[in-house]
Amino acid sequence: MKNVFILVIIFCTSFCFAQKQDLKKTIKEESIGGSLDFTKTIEEKYSSAPFIRFGDILYNKKDFAILFWGTKVKYLGIESLDEAVKLWEEIHEKKLTKPESKALKTGFETKLE
């Protein structure tokens, strides 16, 4: 019985890892020009606004798109802010600036209602 339990745990762990890899692959594919690229949506919605208020902070459109991205990837199942930052930097092949990092953190910590 103990061996069956261990096999089930190993199978579940492998399955969860595979799902996480699929999730990351999907996020990478959709983050530039896909459903997780919020730059066009924000530009259309806020075309005349140089800044967008979220809470008590004003964001430029680029940073506001990063905030949205952070919220969405958390909702999709990315579990930690560090994982989200690493993923964003892999996708965009550059380090986040301080304002971008703050926007991503705000988005990641935002609760969807």
N, C-alpha and C. Protein backbone atom coordinates (compact mmCIF):
# COMPACT_ATOMS: atom_id res chain seq x y z
N MET A 1 0.82 -1.20 0.00
CA MET A 1 0.00 0.00 0.00
C MET A 1 0.87 1.27 0.00
N LYS A 2 1.94 1.21 0.78
CA LYS A 2 2.83 2.35 0.86
C LYS A 2 3.46 2.64 -0.51
N ASN A 3 3.82 1.59 -1.25
CA ASN A 3 4.42 1.77 -2.57
C ASN A 3 3.44 2.40 -3.55
N VAL A 4 2.17 2.01 -3.48
CA VAL A 4 1.15 2.58 -4.35
C VAL A 4 0.99 4.06 -4.05
N PHE A 5 0.99 4.41 -2.78
CA PHE A 5 0.86 5.80 -2.36
C PHE A 5 2.03 6.63 -2.90
N ILE A 6 3.23 6.09 -2.81
CA ILE A 6 4.42 6.80 -3.30
C ILE A 6 4.33 6.97 -4.82
N LEU A 7 3.89 5.94 -5.53
CA LEU A 7 3.73 6.05 -6.99
C LEU A 7 2.70 7.10 -7.36
N VAL A 8 1.61 7.17 -6.62
CA VAL A 8 0.58 8.18 -6.88
C VAL A 8 1.15 9.58 -6.67
N ILE A 9 1.91 9.77 -5.62
CA ILE A 9 2.52 11.08 -5.34
C ILE A 9 3.50 11.45 -6.46
N ILE A 10 4.31 10.50 -6.90
CA ILE A 10 5.26 10.78 -7.98
C ILE A 10 4.51 11.14 -9.26
N PHE A 11 3.45 10.41 -9.57
CA PHE A 11 2.66 10.70 -10.77
C PHE A 11 2.05 12.09 -10.68
N CYS A 12 1.46 12.41 -9.53
CA CYS A 12 0.83 13.73 -9.36
C CYS A 12 1.85 14.86 -9.48
N THR A 13 3.03 14.65 -8.90
CA THR A 13 4.08 15.66 -8.98
C THR A 13 4.51 15.87 -10.42
N SER A 14 4.70 14.78 -11.17
CA SER A 14 5.09 14.90 -12.58
C SER A 14 4.01 15.59 -13.38
N PHE A 15 2.76 15.25 -13.13
CA PHE A 15 1.63 15.84 -13.85
C PHE A 15 1.55 17.33 -13.56
N CYS A 16 1.70 17.72 -12.30
CA CYS A 16 1.65 19.14 -11.93
C CYS A 16 2.80 19.91 -12.57
N PHE A 17 3.99 19.30 -12.61
CA PHE A 17 5.14 19.95 -13.24
C PHE A 17 4.88 20.15 -14.73
N ALA A 18 4.31 19.14 -15.37
CA ALA A 18 4.00 19.24 -16.80
C ALA A 18 2.97 20.33 -17.05
N GLN A 19 1.96 20.41 -16.18
CA GLN A 19 0.95 21.46 -16.34
C GLN A 19 1.59 22.84 -16.17
N LYS A 20 2.49 22.99 -15.21
CA LYS A 20 3.16 24.26 -14.96
C LYS A 20 4.00 24.65 -16.18
N GLN A 21 4.68 23.67 -16.78
CA GLN A 21 5.48 23.95 -17.97
C GLN A 21 4.57 24.38 -19.13
N ASP A 22 3.42 23.72 -19.28
CA ASP A 22 2.47 24.11 -20.32
C ASP A 22 1.95 25.52 -20.08
N LEU A 23 1.67 25.84 -18.82
CA LEU A 23 1.20 27.18 -18.47
C LEU A 23 2.24 28.23 -18.85
N LYS A 24 3.48 27.99 -18.49
CA LYS A 24 4.54 28.95 -18.81
C LYS A 24 4.71 29.09 -20.32
N LYS A 25 4.63 27.98 -21.04
CA LYS A 25 4.75 28.02 -22.50
C LYS A 25 3.63 28.87 -23.09
N THR A 26 2.41 28.67 -22.61
CA THR A 26 1.26 29.44 -23.09
C THR A 26 1.44 30.93 -22.78
N ILE A 27 1.88 31.23 -21.58
CA ILE A 27 2.09 32.63 -21.20
C ILE A 27 3.14 33.27 -22.10
N LYS A 28 4.22 32.54 -22.38
CA LYS A 28 5.27 33.08 -23.25
C LYS A 28 4.73 33.33 -24.65
N GLU A 29 3.91 32.42 -25.16
CA GLU A 29 3.36 32.57 -26.51
C GLU A 29 2.36 33.72 -26.61
N GLU A 30 1.61 33.96 -25.55
CA GLU A 30 0.53 34.95 -25.60
C GLU A 30 0.93 36.34 -25.09
N SER A 31 2.14 36.49 -24.57
CA SER A 31 2.53 37.76 -23.96
C SER A 31 2.95 38.84 -24.95
N ILE A 32 3.36 38.45 -26.13
CA ILE A 32 3.72 39.44 -27.15
C ILE A 32 2.81 39.23 -28.35
N GLY A 33 1.86 40.15 -28.52
CA GLY A 33 0.93 40.08 -29.64
C GLY A 33 -0.24 39.14 -29.43
N GLY A 34 -0.35 38.53 -28.27
CA GLY A 34 -1.44 37.60 -28.00
C GLY A 34 -2.40 38.11 -26.95
N SER A 35 -3.12 37.19 -26.34
CA SER A 35 -4.16 37.56 -25.38
C SER A 35 -3.62 38.13 -24.07
N LEU A 36 -2.32 37.98 -23.82
CA LEU A 36 -1.72 38.55 -22.61
C LEU A 36 -0.90 39.81 -22.89
N ASP A 37 -1.04 40.32 -24.10
CA ASP A 37 -0.37 41.57 -24.46
C ASP A 37 -1.41 42.69 -24.34
N PHE A 38 -1.34 43.42 -23.25
CA PHE A 38 -2.36 44.43 -22.96
C PHE A 38 -2.02 45.82 -23.50
N THR A 39 -0.88 45.96 -24.17
CA THR A 39 -0.48 47.29 -24.65
C THR A 39 -1.47 47.88 -25.64
N LYS A 40 -1.94 47.09 -26.59
CA LYS A 40 -2.88 47.60 -27.60
C LYS A 40 -4.23 47.95 -26.96
N THR A 41 -4.72 47.09 -26.09
CA THR A 41 -5.99 47.33 -25.41
C THR A 41 -5.95 48.61 -24.60
N ILE A 42 -4.88 48.80 -23.86
CA ILE A 42 -4.75 49.99 -23.02
C ILE A 42 -4.59 51.23 -23.88
N GLU A 43 -3.82 51.14 -24.95
CA GLU A 43 -3.66 52.28 -25.85
C GLU A 43 -5.00 52.70 -26.45
N GLU A 44 -5.81 51.72 -26.84
CA GLU A 44 -7.12 52.03 -27.41
C GLU A 44 -8.04 52.66 -26.38
N LYS A 45 -8.07 52.10 -25.19
CA LYS A 45 -9.00 52.56 -24.15
C LYS A 45 -8.58 53.91 -23.57
N TYR A 46 -7.29 54.14 -23.45
CA TYR A 46 -6.78 55.36 -22.82
C TYR A 46 -5.95 56.18 -23.80
N SER A 47 -6.36 56.26 -25.05
CA SER A 47 -5.56 56.91 -26.09
C SER A 47 -5.23 58.37 -25.79
N SER A 48 -6.13 59.08 -25.15
CA SER A 48 -5.89 60.50 -24.90
C SER A 48 -5.27 60.77 -23.52
N ALA A 49 -5.12 59.75 -22.71
CA ALA A 49 -4.59 59.95 -21.36
C ALA A 49 -3.10 59.63 -21.32
N PRO A 50 -2.28 60.58 -20.84
CA PRO A 50 -0.85 60.28 -20.73
C PRO A 50 -0.55 59.34 -19.55
N PHE A 51 -1.40 59.42 -18.53
CA PHE A 51 -1.23 58.57 -17.34
C PHE A 51 -2.57 57.97 -16.94
N ILE A 52 -2.49 56.83 -16.24
CA ILE A 52 -3.69 56.13 -15.79
C ILE A 52 -3.57 55.94 -14.29
N ARG A 53 -4.61 56.35 -13.58
CA ARG A 53 -4.61 56.21 -12.12
C ARG A 53 -5.11 54.82 -11.74
N PHE A 54 -4.35 54.17 -10.86
CA PHE A 54 -4.77 52.90 -10.27
C PHE A 54 -4.47 53.02 -8.78
N GLY A 55 -5.53 53.08 -7.98
CA GLY A 55 -5.33 53.38 -6.56
C GLY A 55 -4.86 54.81 -6.44
N ASP A 56 -3.76 55.01 -5.73
CA ASP A 56 -3.21 56.35 -5.54
C ASP A 56 -2.01 56.63 -6.45
N ILE A 57 -1.76 55.74 -7.38
CA ILE A 57 -0.56 55.86 -8.21
C ILE A 57 -0.95 56.09 -9.67
N LEU A 58 -0.18 56.95 -10.34
CA LEU A 58 -0.35 57.18 -11.77
C LEU A 58 0.67 56.32 -12.52
N TYR A 59 0.19 55.62 -13.56
CA TYR A 59 1.05 54.77 -14.38
C TYR A 59 1.05 55.26 -15.81
N ASN A 60 2.19 55.13 -16.48
CA ASN A 60 2.17 55.35 -17.93
C ASN A 60 1.55 54.09 -18.55
N LYS A 61 1.24 54.13 -19.81
CA LYS A 61 0.51 53.03 -20.45
C LYS A 61 1.31 51.73 -20.46
N LYS A 62 2.61 51.83 -20.68
CA LYS A 62 3.46 50.64 -20.70
C LYS A 62 3.45 49.93 -19.33
N ASP A 63 3.62 50.71 -18.28
CA ASP A 63 3.63 50.13 -16.94
C ASP A 63 2.25 49.61 -16.54
N PHE A 64 1.21 50.28 -17.01
CA PHE A 64 -0.15 49.82 -16.71
C PHE A 64 -0.42 48.48 -17.40
N ALA A 65 0.13 48.29 -18.60
CA ALA A 65 0.00 47.01 -19.29
C ALA A 65 0.72 45.91 -18.51
N ILE A 66 1.85 46.24 -17.92
CA ILE A 66 2.59 45.27 -17.10
C ILE A 66 1.79 44.94 -15.85
N LEU A 67 1.14 45.93 -15.27
CA LEU A 67 0.28 45.69 -14.10
C LEU A 67 -0.82 44.68 -14.47
N PHE A 68 -1.46 44.88 -15.60
CA PHE A 68 -2.50 43.95 -16.06
C PHE A 68 -1.93 42.56 -16.27
N TRP A 69 -0.75 42.48 -16.89
CA TRP A 69 -0.11 41.20 -17.14
C TRP A 69 0.14 40.46 -15.82
N GLY A 70 0.63 41.18 -14.83
CA GLY A 70 0.89 40.58 -13.52
C GLY A 70 -0.37 40.02 -12.89
N THR A 71 -1.46 40.76 -12.99
CA THR A 71 -2.74 40.29 -12.45
C THR A 71 -3.20 39.03 -13.17
N LYS A 72 -3.08 39.02 -14.48
CA LYS A 72 -3.56 37.89 -15.28
C LYS A 72 -2.74 36.62 -15.05
N VAL A 73 -1.41 36.75 -14.99
CA VAL A 73 -0.60 35.53 -14.81
C VAL A 73 -0.80 34.94 -13.42
N LYS A 74 -1.04 35.80 -12.44
CA LYS A 74 -1.35 35.28 -11.10
C LYS A 74 -2.67 34.51 -11.15
N TYR A 75 -3.65 35.06 -11.82
CA TYR A 75 -4.96 34.41 -11.96
C TYR A 75 -4.82 33.08 -12.71
N LEU A 76 -3.93 33.02 -13.68
CA LEU A 76 -3.73 31.80 -14.46
C LEU A 76 -3.00 30.70 -13.69
N GLY A 77 -2.29 31.09 -12.62
CA GLY A 77 -1.65 30.05 -11.80
C GLY A 77 -0.19 30.24 -11.49
N ILE A 78 0.40 31.35 -11.88
CA ILE A 78 1.79 31.62 -11.47
C ILE A 78 1.73 31.95 -9.98
N GLU A 79 2.51 31.22 -9.19
CA GLU A 79 2.33 31.25 -7.74
C GLU A 79 3.13 32.30 -6.99
N SER A 80 4.25 32.75 -7.54
CA SER A 80 5.05 33.71 -6.80
C SER A 80 5.43 34.91 -7.67
N LEU A 81 5.63 36.02 -7.01
CA LEU A 81 6.05 37.23 -7.70
C LEU A 81 7.40 37.02 -8.37
N ASP A 82 8.32 36.35 -7.69
CA ASP A 82 9.64 36.10 -8.27
C ASP A 82 9.52 35.29 -9.57
N GLU A 83 8.64 34.32 -9.58
CA GLU A 83 8.41 33.51 -10.77
C GLU A 83 7.84 34.37 -11.90
N ALA A 84 6.93 35.28 -11.57
CA ALA A 84 6.34 36.17 -12.57
C ALA A 84 7.39 37.12 -13.14
N VAL A 85 8.23 37.68 -12.28
CA VAL A 85 9.30 38.58 -12.73
C VAL A 85 10.24 37.84 -13.66
N LYS A 86 10.67 36.66 -13.26
CA LYS A 86 11.59 35.87 -14.08
C LYS A 86 10.96 35.56 -15.45
N LEU A 87 9.69 35.20 -15.43
CA LEU A 87 8.99 34.88 -16.67
C LEU A 87 8.89 36.10 -17.58
N TRP A 88 8.52 37.25 -17.03
CA TRP A 88 8.42 38.49 -17.82
C TRP A 88 9.78 38.83 -18.44
N GLU A 89 10.83 38.71 -17.64
CA GLU A 89 12.17 39.04 -18.14
C GLU A 89 12.63 38.07 -19.22
N GLU A 90 12.26 36.80 -19.11
CA GLU A 90 12.57 35.82 -20.16
C GLU A 90 11.84 36.18 -21.45
N ILE A 91 10.58 36.51 -21.33
CA ILE A 91 9.76 36.83 -22.50
C ILE A 91 10.29 38.06 -23.22
N HIS A 92 10.61 39.10 -22.47
CA HIS A 92 11.00 40.38 -23.07
C HIS A 92 12.51 40.54 -23.22
N GLU A 93 13.25 39.56 -22.75
CA GLU A 93 14.71 39.53 -22.87
C GLU A 93 15.37 40.80 -22.34
N LYS A 94 14.86 41.27 -21.21
CA LYS A 94 15.46 42.43 -20.54
C LYS A 94 15.00 42.45 -19.09
N LYS A 95 15.75 43.14 -18.27
CA LYS A 95 15.40 43.30 -16.86
C LYS A 95 14.31 44.35 -16.72
N LEU A 96 13.45 44.15 -15.75
CA LEU A 96 12.43 45.15 -15.44
C LEU A 96 13.09 46.39 -14.83
N THR A 97 12.60 47.56 -15.20
CA THR A 97 13.05 48.78 -14.54
C THR A 97 12.33 48.85 -13.18
N LYS A 98 12.72 49.79 -12.33
CA LYS A 98 12.05 49.91 -11.03
C LYS A 98 10.56 50.21 -11.17
N PRO A 99 10.16 51.17 -12.04
CA PRO A 99 8.72 51.41 -12.20
C PRO A 99 7.97 50.19 -12.75
N GLU A 100 8.59 49.48 -13.70
CA GLU A 100 7.96 48.29 -14.26
C GLU A 100 7.82 47.21 -13.19
N SER A 101 8.85 47.07 -12.38
CA SER A 101 8.83 46.08 -11.30
C SER A 101 7.73 46.39 -10.28
N LYS A 102 7.59 47.66 -9.96
CA LYS A 102 6.53 48.07 -9.02
C LYS A 102 5.15 47.81 -9.62
N ALA A 103 5.01 48.09 -10.91
CA ALA A 103 3.72 47.85 -11.58
C ALA A 103 3.40 46.35 -11.60
N LEU A 104 4.38 45.53 -11.90
CA LEU A 104 4.16 44.08 -11.91
C LEU A 104 3.79 43.59 -10.53
N LYS A 105 4.47 44.09 -9.51
CA LYS A 105 4.17 43.69 -8.14
C LYS A 105 2.74 44.10 -7.76
N THR A 106 2.36 45.32 -8.10
CA THR A 106 1.00 45.80 -7.80
C THR A 106 -0.03 44.92 -8.49
N GLY A 107 0.19 44.64 -9.76
CA GLY A 107 -0.73 43.79 -10.49
C GLY A 107 -0.80 42.39 -9.92
N PHE A 108 0.33 41.84 -9.56
CA PHE A 108 0.39 40.48 -9.01
C PHE A 108 -0.36 40.40 -7.68
N GLU A 109 -0.28 41.46 -6.91
CA GLU A 109 -0.92 41.47 -5.59
C GLU A 109 -2.38 41.91 -5.63
N THR A 110 -2.85 42.37 -6.78
CA THR A 110 -4.24 42.82 -6.92
C THR A 110 -5.18 41.61 -6.94
N LYS A 111 -6.22 41.69 -6.17
CA LYS A 111 -7.22 40.63 -6.13
C LYS A 111 -8.30 40.92 -7.16
N LEU A 112 -8.63 39.91 -7.96
CA LEU A 112 -9.72 40.04 -8.94
C LEU A 112 -11.06 39.84 -8.24
N GLU A 113 -12.01 40.64 -8.59
CA GLU A 113 -13.35 40.50 -7.98
C GLU A 113 -14.34 39.98 -8.98
